[in-house]
N, C-alpha and C. Protein backbone atom coordinates (compact mmCIF):
# COMPACT_ATOMS: atom_id res chain seq x y z
N MET A 1 0.57 -1.18 0.01
CA MET A 1 -0.07 -0.08 -0.28
C MET A 1 1.13 1.39 0.09
N THR A 2 0.35 2.10 -0.93
CA THR A 2 1.42 3.36 -0.90
C THR A 2 1.15 4.15 0.23
N LEU A 3 2.08 5.17 0.28
CA LEU A 3 2.26 6.29 1.67
C LEU A 3 0.76 6.76 1.69
N GLN A 4 0.26 7.38 0.49
CA GLN A 4 -0.72 8.27 0.33
C GLN A 4 -2.02 7.26 0.67
N ALA A 5 -1.93 6.13 0.37
CA ALA A 5 -3.24 5.32 0.25
C ALA A 5 -3.43 5.11 2.02
N LYS A 6 -2.34 4.68 2.47
CA LYS A 6 -2.08 4.65 4.04
C LYS A 6 -2.52 5.59 4.99
N MET A 7 -2.33 6.67 4.39
CA MET A 7 -2.57 7.93 4.97
C MET A 7 -4.25 8.29 5.15
N ILE A 8 -4.77 8.27 3.79
CA ILE A 8 -6.15 8.18 3.65
C ILE A 8 -7.03 7.12 4.45
N LEU A 9 -6.48 6.00 4.23
CA LEU A 9 -7.26 5.16 5.10
C LEU A 9 -7.32 5.41 6.75
N ARG A 10 -6.11 5.55 7.24
CA ARG A 10 -5.81 6.07 8.73
C ARG A 10 -6.88 7.40 8.85
N PHE A 11 -6.71 8.24 8.22
CA PHE A 11 -7.28 9.39 8.40
C PHE A 11 -8.80 9.05 8.24
N SER A 12 -9.30 8.42 7.31
CA SER A 12 -10.56 8.09 7.22
C SER A 12 -11.14 7.62 8.57
N VAL A 13 -10.68 6.62 8.88
CA VAL A 13 -11.06 5.58 9.79
C VAL A 13 -11.21 6.54 11.33
N GLY A 14 -9.98 7.43 11.41
CA GLY A 14 -10.02 8.39 12.57
C GLY A 14 -11.03 9.00 12.71
N ALA A 15 -11.49 9.64 11.37
CA ALA A 15 -12.66 10.68 11.69
C ALA A 15 -14.17 10.20 11.95
N VAL A 16 -14.04 9.05 10.99
CA VAL A 16 -15.23 8.15 11.52
C VAL A 16 -15.51 7.86 12.99
N ILE A 17 -14.19 7.31 13.33
CA ILE A 17 -14.30 6.95 15.11
C ILE A 17 -14.68 8.35 15.93
N LEU A 18 -13.83 9.58 15.53
CA LEU A 18 -14.24 10.45 16.01
C LEU A 18 -15.78 11.14 15.88
N ALA A 19 -16.53 10.76 14.72
CA ALA A 19 -17.77 11.09 14.51
C ALA A 19 -18.62 10.17 15.55
N ALA A 20 -18.21 9.02 15.50
CA ALA A 20 -19.19 7.98 16.13
C ALA A 20 -18.81 8.37 17.94
N LEU A 21 -17.68 8.49 18.15
CA LEU A 21 -17.65 9.10 19.75
C LEU A 21 -18.56 10.21 19.92
N LEU A 22 -18.84 11.03 19.54
CA LEU A 22 -19.57 12.30 19.71
C LEU A 22 -21.16 12.07 19.39
N PHE A 23 -21.39 11.35 18.02
CA PHE A 23 -22.96 11.73 17.63
C PHE A 23 -23.65 10.18 18.42
N LEU A 24 -23.00 9.09 18.39
CA LEU A 24 -23.83 7.98 18.70
C LEU A 24 -24.14 8.44 20.30
N PRO A 25 -23.16 8.71 21.12
CA PRO A 25 -23.89 9.06 22.39
C PRO A 25 -24.69 10.38 22.53
N ALA A 26 -24.79 11.01 21.70
CA ALA A 26 -25.74 12.16 21.70
C ALA A 26 -26.92 11.85 21.25
N GLY A 27 -26.90 10.52 20.67
CA GLY A 27 -28.36 10.15 20.16
C GLY A 27 -28.90 11.32 18.66
N THR A 28 -28.19 11.94 18.33
CA THR A 28 -28.63 12.92 17.25
C THR A 28 -27.85 13.64 16.50
N PHE A 29 -27.99 13.96 15.24
CA PHE A 29 -26.93 14.66 14.62
C PHE A 29 -27.35 16.17 14.65
N ARG A 30 -28.30 16.44 16.02
CA ARG A 30 -28.22 17.94 16.34
C ARG A 30 -27.42 18.54 17.34
N PHE A 31 -26.17 17.88 17.26
CA PHE A 31 -25.24 18.07 18.28
C PHE A 31 -24.43 18.99 17.76
N TRP A 32 -24.83 20.53 17.71
CA TRP A 32 -24.14 21.44 16.92
C TRP A 32 -22.46 21.64 17.29
N GLN A 33 -22.42 21.24 18.63
CA GLN A 33 -21.41 21.70 19.12
C GLN A 33 -20.32 20.54 18.61
N GLY A 34 -20.67 19.32 18.57
CA GLY A 34 -19.73 18.16 17.85
C GLY A 34 -19.68 18.47 16.28
N TRP A 35 -20.39 19.14 15.69
CA TRP A 35 -20.09 19.36 14.19
C TRP A 35 -19.15 20.44 14.23
N VAL A 36 -19.38 21.45 14.97
CA VAL A 36 -18.47 22.39 14.68
C VAL A 36 -17.10 21.94 15.29
N TYR A 37 -16.87 21.32 15.97
CA TYR A 37 -15.36 20.51 16.85
C TYR A 37 -15.13 19.49 15.63
N LEU A 38 -16.01 18.86 15.02
CA LEU A 38 -15.50 17.98 13.85
C LEU A 38 -14.98 18.39 12.59
N VAL A 39 -15.73 19.50 12.52
CA VAL A 39 -15.27 20.19 11.02
C VAL A 39 -14.21 21.20 11.17
N THR A 40 -13.94 21.56 12.20
CA THR A 40 -12.74 22.21 12.59
C THR A 40 -11.44 21.49 12.88
N PHE A 41 -11.57 20.35 13.22
CA PHE A 41 -10.52 19.32 13.74
C PHE A 41 -10.16 18.54 12.64
N VAL A 42 -11.09 17.98 12.02
CA VAL A 42 -10.71 16.97 10.59
C VAL A 42 -10.41 18.06 9.56
N GLY A 43 -10.89 19.10 9.51
CA GLY A 43 -10.48 20.09 8.00
C GLY A 43 -9.03 20.53 8.57
N THR A 44 -8.74 21.00 9.47
CA THR A 44 -7.34 21.60 9.97
C THR A 44 -6.57 20.25 9.53
N TRP A 45 -6.67 19.35 9.96
CA TRP A 45 -5.43 17.76 9.84
C TRP A 45 -5.67 17.50 8.62
N THR A 46 -6.90 17.42 7.78
CA THR A 46 -6.63 17.28 6.42
C THR A 46 -5.94 17.78 5.25
N ALA A 47 -6.02 19.13 5.81
CA ALA A 47 -5.23 20.33 4.99
C ALA A 47 -3.86 19.95 5.18
N PHE A 48 -3.43 19.90 6.70
CA PHE A 48 -2.09 19.91 7.14
C PHE A 48 -1.49 18.68 6.15
N THR A 49 -2.24 17.20 6.38
CA THR A 49 -1.89 16.02 6.07
C THR A 49 -1.45 16.22 4.21
N PHE A 50 -2.49 16.64 3.81
CA PHE A 50 -2.09 16.63 2.31
C PHE A 50 -0.67 17.69 2.11
N TRP A 51 -0.74 18.73 2.76
CA TRP A 51 0.42 19.44 2.42
C TRP A 51 1.60 18.68 2.75
N LEU A 52 1.55 18.03 4.07
CA LEU A 52 3.08 17.22 4.60
C LEU A 52 3.29 16.04 3.67
N LEU A 53 2.17 15.52 3.11
CA LEU A 53 2.48 14.41 1.94
C LEU A 53 3.23 14.69 0.82
N GLN A 54 2.99 16.08 0.65
CA GLN A 54 3.67 16.73 -0.59
C GLN A 54 4.93 17.17 -0.07
N ALA A 55 5.44 17.85 1.03
CA ALA A 55 6.35 18.40 1.38
C ALA A 55 7.01 17.76 2.10
N ASN A 56 6.82 16.84 2.92
CA ASN A 56 7.63 16.10 3.77
C ASN A 56 7.16 14.81 3.77
N PRO A 57 7.46 13.83 2.98
CA PRO A 57 6.95 12.55 3.12
C PRO A 57 7.66 11.80 4.20
N GLN A 58 8.97 11.75 4.52
CA GLN A 58 9.59 11.18 5.58
C GLN A 58 8.88 11.38 6.85
N LEU A 59 8.28 12.88 7.04
CA LEU A 59 7.73 13.07 8.45
C LEU A 59 6.48 12.24 8.60
N MET A 60 5.36 12.21 7.16
CA MET A 60 4.27 11.79 7.05
C MET A 60 4.31 10.22 7.38
N GLU A 61 5.56 9.73 7.19
CA GLU A 61 5.77 8.08 7.04
C GLU A 61 5.89 7.93 8.99
N ARG A 62 6.58 8.85 9.51
CA ARG A 62 7.28 8.74 10.96
C ARG A 62 5.67 8.94 11.82
N ARG A 63 4.67 9.53 10.98
CA ARG A 63 3.57 9.93 11.79
C ARG A 63 2.63 9.00 11.75
N LEU A 64 2.84 8.04 10.87
CA LEU A 64 2.01 7.00 10.71
C LEU A 64 2.44 5.78 11.85
N ARG A 65 3.72 5.79 12.32
CA ARG A 65 4.09 4.82 12.93
C ARG A 65 3.43 4.96 14.23
N VAL A 66 2.78 3.75 14.71
CA VAL A 66 2.10 3.87 16.16
C VAL A 66 2.46 2.98 17.03
N LYS A 67 3.37 2.09 16.93
CA LYS A 67 3.91 0.85 17.79
C LYS A 67 4.93 1.44 18.63
N GLU A 68 4.63 1.64 19.85
CA GLU A 68 5.78 1.65 20.59
C GLU A 68 6.74 0.66 21.12
N THR A 69 7.97 0.83 21.48
CA THR A 69 8.53 -0.43 21.78
C THR A 69 8.85 -0.22 23.46
N ASP A 70 9.16 0.98 24.09
CA ASP A 70 9.45 1.17 25.40
C ASP A 70 7.89 1.00 26.47
N PRO A 71 8.16 0.25 27.24
CA PRO A 71 6.90 -0.10 28.09
C PRO A 71 6.53 1.13 28.88
N ALA A 72 7.09 1.89 28.80
CA ALA A 72 6.46 2.87 29.62
C ALA A 72 5.58 3.74 28.65
N GLN A 73 6.02 4.12 27.35
CA GLN A 73 5.34 4.45 26.21
C GLN A 73 4.10 3.70 26.10
N LYS A 74 4.20 2.75 26.01
CA LYS A 74 2.90 1.71 25.73
C LYS A 74 2.07 1.75 26.66
N LEU A 75 2.34 1.96 28.00
CA LEU A 75 1.45 2.43 29.14
C LEU A 75 0.89 3.58 28.90
N PHE A 76 1.52 4.76 28.41
CA PHE A 76 0.97 6.22 27.64
C PHE A 76 -0.31 5.69 27.07
N GLN A 77 0.08 5.09 25.91
CA GLN A 77 -0.99 4.69 24.64
C GLN A 77 -2.24 4.43 25.45
N ILE A 78 -2.04 3.05 26.53
CA ILE A 78 -3.10 2.70 26.86
C ILE A 78 -4.21 3.94 27.77
N VAL A 79 -3.26 4.32 28.73
CA VAL A 79 -4.10 5.44 29.29
C VAL A 79 -4.70 6.30 28.83
N TRP A 80 -3.98 6.88 27.83
CA TRP A 80 -4.62 7.88 27.11
C TRP A 80 -5.83 7.53 26.61
N THR A 81 -5.67 6.32 25.58
CA THR A 81 -7.05 5.97 25.06
C THR A 81 -8.04 5.73 26.10
N VAL A 82 -7.87 5.26 27.38
CA VAL A 82 -8.97 4.78 28.25
C VAL A 82 -9.65 6.27 28.71
N ILE A 83 -8.90 7.20 28.78
CA ILE A 83 -9.38 8.28 29.32
C ILE A 83 -9.89 9.20 28.05
N PHE A 84 -9.44 9.17 26.90
CA PHE A 84 -9.46 10.40 26.00
C PHE A 84 -11.06 9.60 25.10
N PHE A 85 -11.05 8.47 24.99
CA PHE A 85 -12.75 8.17 24.43
C PHE A 85 -13.46 8.05 25.20
N PRO A 86 -13.55 7.71 26.66
CA PRO A 86 -14.69 8.18 27.62
C PRO A 86 -14.85 9.52 27.54
N ALA A 87 -14.08 10.41 27.69
CA ALA A 87 -14.22 11.76 27.70
C ALA A 87 -15.05 12.33 26.50
N LEU A 88 -14.81 11.91 25.39
CA LEU A 88 -15.48 12.31 24.23
C LEU A 88 -16.97 11.80 24.13
N ILE A 89 -16.81 10.50 24.77
CA ILE A 89 -18.09 10.14 24.91
C ILE A 89 -19.27 10.40 25.79
N LEU A 90 -18.38 10.87 27.02
CA LEU A 90 -19.23 11.68 27.98
C LEU A 90 -19.91 12.95 27.40
N THR A 91 -18.98 13.73 26.49
CA THR A 91 -19.90 15.04 26.07
C THR A 91 -20.94 14.72 25.29
N GLY A 92 -21.11 13.73 24.47
CA GLY A 92 -22.34 13.38 23.77
C GLY A 92 -23.71 12.86 24.31
N PHE A 93 -23.42 12.25 25.52
CA PHE A 93 -24.05 12.12 26.64
C PHE A 93 -24.87 13.14 27.44
N ASP A 94 -23.67 14.10 27.61
CA ASP A 94 -24.02 15.56 28.28
C ASP A 94 -25.07 16.13 27.56
N PHE A 95 -24.87 16.23 26.09
CA PHE A 95 -26.03 16.67 25.13
C PHE A 95 -27.11 16.17 25.24
N ARG A 96 -27.42 14.70 25.22
CA ARG A 96 -28.49 13.81 25.12
C ARG A 96 -29.54 14.53 26.20
N PHE A 97 -28.63 14.52 27.59
CA PHE A 97 -29.28 14.24 28.63
C PHE A 97 -29.20 15.40 29.52
N GLY A 98 -28.68 16.53 29.19
CA GLY A 98 -28.53 17.91 29.64
C GLY A 98 -27.88 18.07 30.90
N TRP A 99 -26.81 17.38 31.41
CA TRP A 99 -26.52 17.05 32.69
C TRP A 99 -25.80 18.33 33.09
N SER A 100 -24.91 19.07 32.55
CA SER A 100 -24.22 20.45 32.57
C SER A 100 -25.38 21.27 32.89
N GLN A 101 -26.48 21.55 31.92
CA GLN A 101 -27.63 22.25 31.90
C GLN A 101 -28.25 22.20 33.25
N ALA A 102 -28.53 21.04 33.75
CA ALA A 102 -29.40 20.92 34.96
C ALA A 102 -28.33 21.07 35.95
N TRP A 103 -27.64 20.76 36.00
CA TRP A 103 -26.55 20.55 37.49
C TRP A 103 -25.62 21.95 37.38
N LEU A 104 -25.30 22.25 36.45
CA LEU A 104 -24.45 23.82 36.70
C LEU A 104 -25.12 24.59 35.66
N ALA A 105 -24.80 25.19 34.27
CA ALA A 105 -25.35 26.03 33.66
C ALA A 105 -24.97 25.56 32.21
N PRO A 106 -25.69 26.12 31.18
CA PRO A 106 -25.04 25.79 30.04
C PRO A 106 -23.86 26.28 29.47
N VAL A 107 -23.17 25.90 28.63
CA VAL A 107 -21.90 26.49 28.31
C VAL A 107 -22.31 27.83 27.25
N PRO A 108 -21.72 28.99 27.49
CA PRO A 108 -22.57 29.94 26.51
C PRO A 108 -21.99 29.56 25.49
N LEU A 109 -22.52 30.23 24.18
CA LEU A 109 -21.93 30.10 22.89
C LEU A 109 -20.88 30.69 22.39
N TRP A 110 -20.86 31.82 23.31
CA TRP A 110 -19.41 32.68 23.15
C TRP A 110 -17.99 31.70 23.75
N ALA A 111 -18.40 31.26 24.96
CA ALA A 111 -17.58 30.28 25.36
C ALA A 111 -17.21 29.12 24.40
N ALA A 112 -18.33 28.33 23.99
CA ALA A 112 -18.08 27.00 22.96
C ALA A 112 -17.31 27.48 21.85
N LEU A 113 -17.68 28.55 21.05
CA LEU A 113 -16.80 29.14 19.85
C LEU A 113 -15.36 29.73 20.44
N MET A 114 -15.16 30.43 21.67
CA MET A 114 -13.67 30.51 21.93
C MET A 114 -12.97 29.46 22.16
N SER A 115 -13.79 28.36 22.75
CA SER A 115 -13.22 27.02 22.96
C SER A 115 -12.86 26.16 21.54
N ASP A 116 -13.67 26.42 20.68
CA ASP A 116 -12.96 26.01 19.62
C ASP A 116 -11.94 26.71 18.82
N ALA A 117 -11.92 27.96 19.12
CA ALA A 117 -10.57 28.78 18.63
C ALA A 117 -9.59 28.39 19.36
N LEU A 118 -9.48 28.33 20.54
CA LEU A 118 -8.26 27.67 21.31
C LEU A 118 -7.88 26.27 20.71
N ALA A 119 -8.95 25.54 20.73
CA ALA A 119 -8.36 24.10 20.19
C ALA A 119 -7.76 24.28 18.65
N LEU A 120 -8.35 25.34 17.97
CA LEU A 120 -7.50 25.42 16.63
C LEU A 120 -6.15 25.88 16.74
N ALA A 121 -6.07 26.88 17.71
CA ALA A 121 -4.33 27.16 18.20
C ALA A 121 -3.92 26.29 18.77
N GLY A 122 -4.32 25.48 19.64
CA GLY A 122 -3.36 24.36 20.12
C GLY A 122 -2.91 23.39 18.93
N CYS A 123 -3.67 23.20 17.77
CA CYS A 123 -3.64 22.23 16.68
C CYS A 123 -2.63 23.18 15.58
N ALA A 124 -2.59 24.38 15.65
CA ALA A 124 -1.86 25.25 14.95
C ALA A 124 -0.31 25.05 15.42
N PHE A 125 -0.03 25.09 17.05
CA PHE A 125 0.79 24.99 17.56
C PHE A 125 1.62 23.87 17.38
N ILE A 126 0.76 22.57 17.29
CA ILE A 126 1.68 21.13 17.04
C ILE A 126 2.10 21.38 15.67
N ILE A 127 1.23 22.04 14.57
CA ILE A 127 1.76 21.82 13.19
C ILE A 127 2.96 22.95 13.11
N TRP A 128 2.91 23.81 13.69
CA TRP A 128 4.66 24.41 13.53
C TRP A 128 5.32 23.75 14.25
N ALA A 129 5.13 22.98 15.43
CA ALA A 129 6.18 22.09 15.83
C ALA A 129 6.66 21.02 14.76
N MET A 130 5.79 20.54 14.20
CA MET A 130 5.95 19.54 13.19
C MET A 130 6.32 19.74 11.96
N LYS A 131 6.19 21.02 11.70
CA LYS A 131 6.86 21.58 10.54
C LYS A 131 8.38 21.99 10.79
N THR A 132 8.50 22.50 12.08
CA THR A 132 10.01 22.91 12.55
C THR A 132 10.72 21.54 12.40
N ASN A 133 10.31 20.41 13.32
CA ASN A 133 11.20 19.34 13.87
C ASN A 133 10.89 18.25 12.63
N THR A 134 11.30 17.78 11.68
CA THR A 134 11.25 16.92 10.86
C THR A 134 11.20 15.35 11.49
N TYR A 135 11.73 15.29 12.89
CA TYR A 135 11.77 13.94 13.34
C TYR A 135 10.73 13.74 14.40
N ALA A 136 9.46 14.52 14.56
CA ALA A 136 8.28 14.74 15.48
C ALA A 136 7.45 13.37 14.90
N SER A 137 8.14 12.26 15.31
CA SER A 137 7.27 11.16 15.25
C SER A 137 6.23 10.79 16.27
N ARG A 138 5.66 10.01 16.03
CA ARG A 138 4.59 9.49 17.20
C ARG A 138 5.03 8.60 17.93
N THR A 139 6.02 8.00 17.66
CA THR A 139 6.68 7.04 18.75
C THR A 139 7.78 7.57 19.27
N ILE A 140 8.23 7.23 20.19
CA ILE A 140 9.62 7.65 21.05
C ILE A 140 10.81 7.25 20.79
N GLN A 141 11.84 7.63 20.02
CA GLN A 141 12.86 7.17 19.41
C GLN A 141 13.65 8.12 18.96
N VAL A 142 15.33 7.77 18.79
CA VAL A 142 16.13 8.67 18.85
C VAL A 142 16.69 7.94 17.04
N GLU A 143 16.52 8.80 16.14
CA GLU A 143 16.82 7.86 14.48
C GLU A 143 18.38 8.39 14.09
N ALA A 144 18.94 7.93 13.36
CA ALA A 144 20.27 8.08 13.14
C ALA A 144 20.22 9.35 12.35
N GLY A 145 21.22 10.00 12.42
CA GLY A 145 21.05 11.57 11.81
C GLY A 145 20.46 12.60 12.58
N GLN A 146 19.76 11.97 13.48
CA GLN A 146 18.91 13.14 14.41
C GLN A 146 19.54 14.23 15.10
N THR A 147 19.37 15.32 14.85
CA THR A 147 20.17 16.64 15.57
C THR A 147 19.18 17.28 16.72
N VAL A 148 19.18 17.83 17.28
CA VAL A 148 18.50 18.61 18.20
C VAL A 148 17.81 19.94 17.39
N VAL A 149 16.65 20.34 17.73
CA VAL A 149 16.12 21.56 16.98
C VAL A 149 15.73 22.72 17.73
N THR A 150 16.49 23.64 17.84
CA THR A 150 16.15 24.86 18.60
C THR A 150 15.43 25.92 18.17
N THR A 151 14.95 25.97 16.62
CA THR A 151 14.45 26.84 16.28
C THR A 151 12.67 26.89 16.30
N GLY A 152 12.30 28.07 15.88
CA GLY A 152 10.84 27.93 16.16
C GLY A 152 10.31 28.02 17.30
N PRO A 153 9.07 27.17 17.49
CA PRO A 153 8.42 26.96 18.85
C PRO A 153 9.60 26.58 19.71
N TYR A 154 10.49 25.56 19.26
CA TYR A 154 11.44 25.00 20.31
C TYR A 154 12.12 25.90 20.85
N ARG A 155 12.51 27.39 20.52
CA ARG A 155 13.08 28.39 21.27
C ARG A 155 12.03 28.74 22.48
N ILE A 156 10.93 28.68 22.45
CA ILE A 156 9.78 28.89 23.92
C ILE A 156 9.79 27.85 24.66
N VAL A 157 9.78 26.73 24.31
CA VAL A 157 9.60 25.42 25.42
C VAL A 157 10.28 24.41 24.57
N ARG A 158 10.45 23.27 25.56
CA ARG A 158 11.36 22.39 24.98
C ARG A 158 10.34 21.31 24.45
N HIS A 159 9.16 21.32 24.67
CA HIS A 159 8.24 20.29 24.09
C HIS A 159 7.11 20.98 23.23
N PRO A 160 6.98 21.66 22.32
CA PRO A 160 5.72 22.52 21.88
C PRO A 160 4.86 21.62 21.48
N PHE A 161 5.20 20.65 20.33
CA PHE A 161 4.14 19.62 20.43
C PHE A 161 3.06 19.50 21.35
N TYR A 162 3.54 19.16 22.73
CA TYR A 162 2.97 18.60 23.65
C TYR A 162 2.15 20.08 24.48
N SER A 163 3.00 21.11 24.10
CA SER A 163 2.12 22.46 24.53
C SER A 163 0.93 22.50 23.76
N GLY A 164 0.96 22.18 22.53
CA GLY A 164 -0.14 22.56 21.48
C GLY A 164 -1.40 21.30 22.09
N VAL A 165 -0.86 20.15 22.14
CA VAL A 165 -1.92 19.08 22.72
C VAL A 165 -2.88 19.74 23.84
N LEU A 166 -1.88 19.97 24.98
CA LEU A 166 -2.25 20.27 26.36
C LEU A 166 -3.38 21.59 26.11
N VAL A 167 -3.07 22.71 25.21
CA VAL A 167 -4.33 23.62 25.02
C VAL A 167 -5.46 22.93 24.31
N TRP A 168 -5.28 22.21 23.30
CA TRP A 168 -6.24 21.39 22.58
C TRP A 168 -7.34 20.63 23.55
N ILE A 169 -6.84 19.65 24.30
CA ILE A 169 -7.59 18.98 25.27
C ILE A 169 -8.44 19.56 26.15
N LEU A 170 -7.62 20.60 26.91
CA LEU A 170 -8.36 21.55 27.95
C LEU A 170 -9.36 22.19 27.21
N ALA A 171 -9.13 22.68 25.97
CA ALA A 171 -10.29 23.32 25.22
C ALA A 171 -11.53 22.66 25.07
N THR A 172 -11.17 21.29 24.65
CA THR A 172 -12.18 20.50 23.94
C THR A 172 -13.68 20.13 24.77
N PRO A 173 -13.50 20.21 26.14
CA PRO A 173 -15.04 20.02 26.65
C PRO A 173 -15.61 21.31 26.77
N PHE A 174 -15.11 22.27 26.76
CA PHE A 174 -15.81 23.59 26.63
C PHE A 174 -16.35 23.98 25.17
N ALA A 175 -15.60 23.39 24.20
CA ALA A 175 -16.02 23.41 23.06
C ALA A 175 -17.18 22.50 22.60
N LEU A 176 -17.34 21.42 23.04
CA LEU A 176 -18.04 20.53 23.00
C LEU A 176 -19.53 20.75 24.06
N GLY A 177 -19.54 21.69 24.77
CA GLY A 177 -20.65 22.26 25.50
C GLY A 177 -20.66 21.32 26.87
N SER A 178 -19.68 20.79 27.03
CA SER A 178 -19.74 20.07 28.34
C SER A 178 -19.08 20.36 29.71
N TYR A 179 -19.68 20.68 30.73
CA TYR A 179 -18.85 20.91 32.06
C TYR A 179 -18.76 19.67 32.73
N VAL A 180 -19.25 19.02 32.52
CA VAL A 180 -19.26 17.43 33.65
C VAL A 180 -17.87 16.22 32.86
N ALA A 181 -17.80 16.87 31.49
CA ALA A 181 -16.45 15.99 30.83
C ALA A 181 -15.22 16.82 31.29
N VAL A 182 -15.21 18.01 31.85
CA VAL A 182 -13.81 18.81 32.30
C VAL A 182 -12.88 17.83 32.91
N PRO A 183 -13.53 17.29 34.32
CA PRO A 183 -12.70 16.77 35.09
C PRO A 183 -11.88 15.30 34.10
N LEU A 184 -12.67 14.72 33.16
CA LEU A 184 -11.77 13.59 32.52
C LEU A 184 -10.63 14.34 31.53
N PHE A 185 -10.92 15.32 31.24
CA PHE A 185 -9.94 15.83 30.09
C PHE A 185 -8.70 16.56 31.01
N LEU A 186 -9.18 17.15 32.17
CA LEU A 186 -7.94 17.53 33.18
C LEU A 186 -7.34 16.10 33.52
N LEU A 187 -7.93 15.01 33.55
CA LEU A 187 -6.84 14.08 34.11
C LEU A 187 -5.96 13.69 32.85
N MET A 188 -6.19 13.95 31.52
CA MET A 188 -5.04 13.86 30.60
C MET A 188 -3.86 14.33 30.31
N ALA A 189 -3.76 15.54 31.37
CA ALA A 189 -2.72 16.45 31.42
C ALA A 189 -1.29 15.84 32.42
N PRO A 190 -1.89 14.96 33.39
CA PRO A 190 -0.93 14.40 33.81
C PRO A 190 -0.38 13.43 33.22
N VAL A 191 -1.05 12.83 32.39
CA VAL A 191 -0.74 11.55 31.71
C VAL A 191 0.15 12.08 30.44
N LEU A 192 -0.23 13.34 29.81
CA LEU A 192 1.03 14.08 28.84
C LEU A 192 2.26 14.24 29.54
N ILE A 193 1.99 14.67 30.71
CA ILE A 193 3.20 15.24 31.49
C ILE A 193 4.17 13.66 31.80
N TYR A 194 3.69 12.81 31.93
CA TYR A 194 4.23 11.54 32.36
C TYR A 194 4.76 10.83 30.70
N ARG A 195 4.57 11.47 29.88
CA ARG A 195 5.20 11.07 28.42
C ARG A 195 6.10 12.08 28.36
N LEU A 196 6.06 13.14 28.48
CA LEU A 196 7.12 14.17 28.12
C LEU A 196 8.42 13.76 29.24
N VAL A 197 8.23 13.69 30.11
CA VAL A 197 9.47 13.28 31.48
C VAL A 197 10.02 12.23 30.85
N ASN A 198 9.24 11.02 30.43
CA ASN A 198 9.94 9.69 30.04
C ASN A 198 10.90 10.09 28.75
N GLU A 199 10.29 10.83 27.87
CA GLU A 199 10.82 11.20 26.72
C GLU A 199 12.05 11.89 26.77
N GLU A 200 11.71 12.96 27.63
CA GLU A 200 13.32 13.97 27.85
C GLU A 200 14.13 12.89 28.71
N LYS A 201 13.87 11.98 29.24
CA LYS A 201 15.08 11.22 30.06
C LYS A 201 15.56 10.52 28.54
N LEU A 202 14.65 9.69 27.66
CA LEU A 202 15.27 9.29 26.61
C LEU A 202 15.93 10.09 25.61
N LEU A 203 15.79 11.43 25.52
CA LEU A 203 16.49 12.28 24.61
C LEU A 203 17.96 12.64 25.24
N ARG A 204 17.73 13.00 26.60
CA ARG A 204 18.76 13.36 27.41
C ARG A 204 20.10 12.33 27.17
N ARG A 205 19.85 11.27 27.21
CA ARG A 205 20.74 9.87 27.24
C ARG A 205 21.12 9.64 25.68
N ASP A 206 20.19 9.83 24.74
CA ASP A 206 20.45 9.25 23.47
C ASP A 206 20.63 10.09 22.28
N LEU A 207 20.51 11.57 22.62
CA LEU A 207 20.64 12.51 21.24
C LEU A 207 21.51 13.29 21.54
N PRO A 208 22.69 13.61 21.06
CA PRO A 208 23.80 14.38 21.10
C PRO A 208 23.49 15.86 21.51
N GLY A 209 24.03 16.49 22.43
CA GLY A 209 23.41 18.06 22.89
C GLY A 209 22.08 18.68 23.44
N TYR A 210 21.38 17.38 23.46
CA TYR A 210 19.93 17.84 23.90
C TYR A 210 20.04 18.01 25.37
N ALA A 211 20.89 17.71 26.22
CA ALA A 211 21.33 18.21 27.70
C ALA A 211 21.62 19.74 27.74
N GLU A 212 22.37 20.08 26.92
CA GLU A 212 22.91 21.15 26.85
C GLU A 212 21.62 22.37 25.97
N TYR A 213 21.03 21.79 25.44
CA TYR A 213 19.74 22.43 25.02
C TYR A 213 18.56 22.67 26.17
N CYS A 214 18.75 21.69 26.93
CA CYS A 214 17.72 21.68 28.25
C CYS A 214 18.51 22.96 28.94
N ASN A 215 19.46 22.97 29.16
CA ASN A 215 19.97 23.95 30.15
C ASN A 215 19.83 25.31 29.39
N ARG A 216 19.92 25.34 28.23
CA ARG A 216 19.66 26.89 27.47
C ARG A 216 18.00 27.42 27.67
N THR A 217 17.27 26.24 27.38
CA THR A 217 15.69 26.42 27.34
C THR A 217 15.02 25.75 28.58
N GLN A 218 14.75 26.76 29.45
CA GLN A 218 14.40 26.54 30.67
C GLN A 218 13.07 25.64 30.94
N PHE A 219 12.01 26.41 29.78
CA PHE A 219 10.66 25.53 30.44
C PHE A 219 10.45 24.48 29.39
N ARG A 220 9.79 23.59 30.08
CA ARG A 220 9.29 22.27 29.17
C ARG A 220 7.96 22.51 28.19
N LEU A 221 7.10 22.77 28.99
CA LEU A 221 5.74 22.55 28.48
C LEU A 221 4.79 23.91 28.41
N ILE A 222 4.95 24.77 29.45
CA ILE A 222 4.32 26.40 29.65
C ILE A 222 5.17 27.46 29.96
N PRO A 223 5.35 28.27 28.96
CA PRO A 223 6.59 29.43 29.02
C PRO A 223 6.08 30.02 30.57
N GLY A 224 7.36 30.44 31.37
CA GLY A 224 6.90 31.19 32.36
C GLY A 224 6.62 30.17 33.74
N VAL A 225 5.92 28.82 33.67
CA VAL A 225 5.62 27.92 34.47
C VAL A 225 6.38 26.98 34.78
N TRP A 226 6.43 26.24 33.71
CA TRP A 226 7.02 24.62 33.77
C TRP A 226 7.78 24.14 32.45
């Protein structure tokens, strides 16, 4: 199977799964927050993926790798999936049964749309990191010839990819109109930090110059905080 065919298949399956996780629990296609989120997310990544396929097929191939060899990263994949899927499902059930509205308050239209914009900004930061670092694989490893990247968003934080992911996941429950799903999405932050810390240990050990880069770039994830 060609790289393009693999990409289209993987992306199509992912889009269908995302739609199912949102609309099946909602029990209706009138879940407008789900539509805005789905179109924004899928549209952004579709455009970038097709651009990446033409501009940097090597990175596209790396992004298609999903099998981790490190037990710690395998654990991350399991825990992340166990939290993320139920968190999305909960937003759909919240729309169906109106839990947030009944127990707290409805998420205002302006807050939902602003959260969509924040999620999009998080995706944009991820894309910036990927365009800057051609070794931004989905699996944690150091490849032959890999060098330390210090330009672009890597001048701001050591792990800009994860910074973008953090913004995206924290904005998601509000974009989907659900306060009750917030605790589950918050649980994903320490899971992301676990992966970051584990990855940094590997890079310090195996990537020449990375320890010096860490000394120069103080913050890992959030500028001015950590």
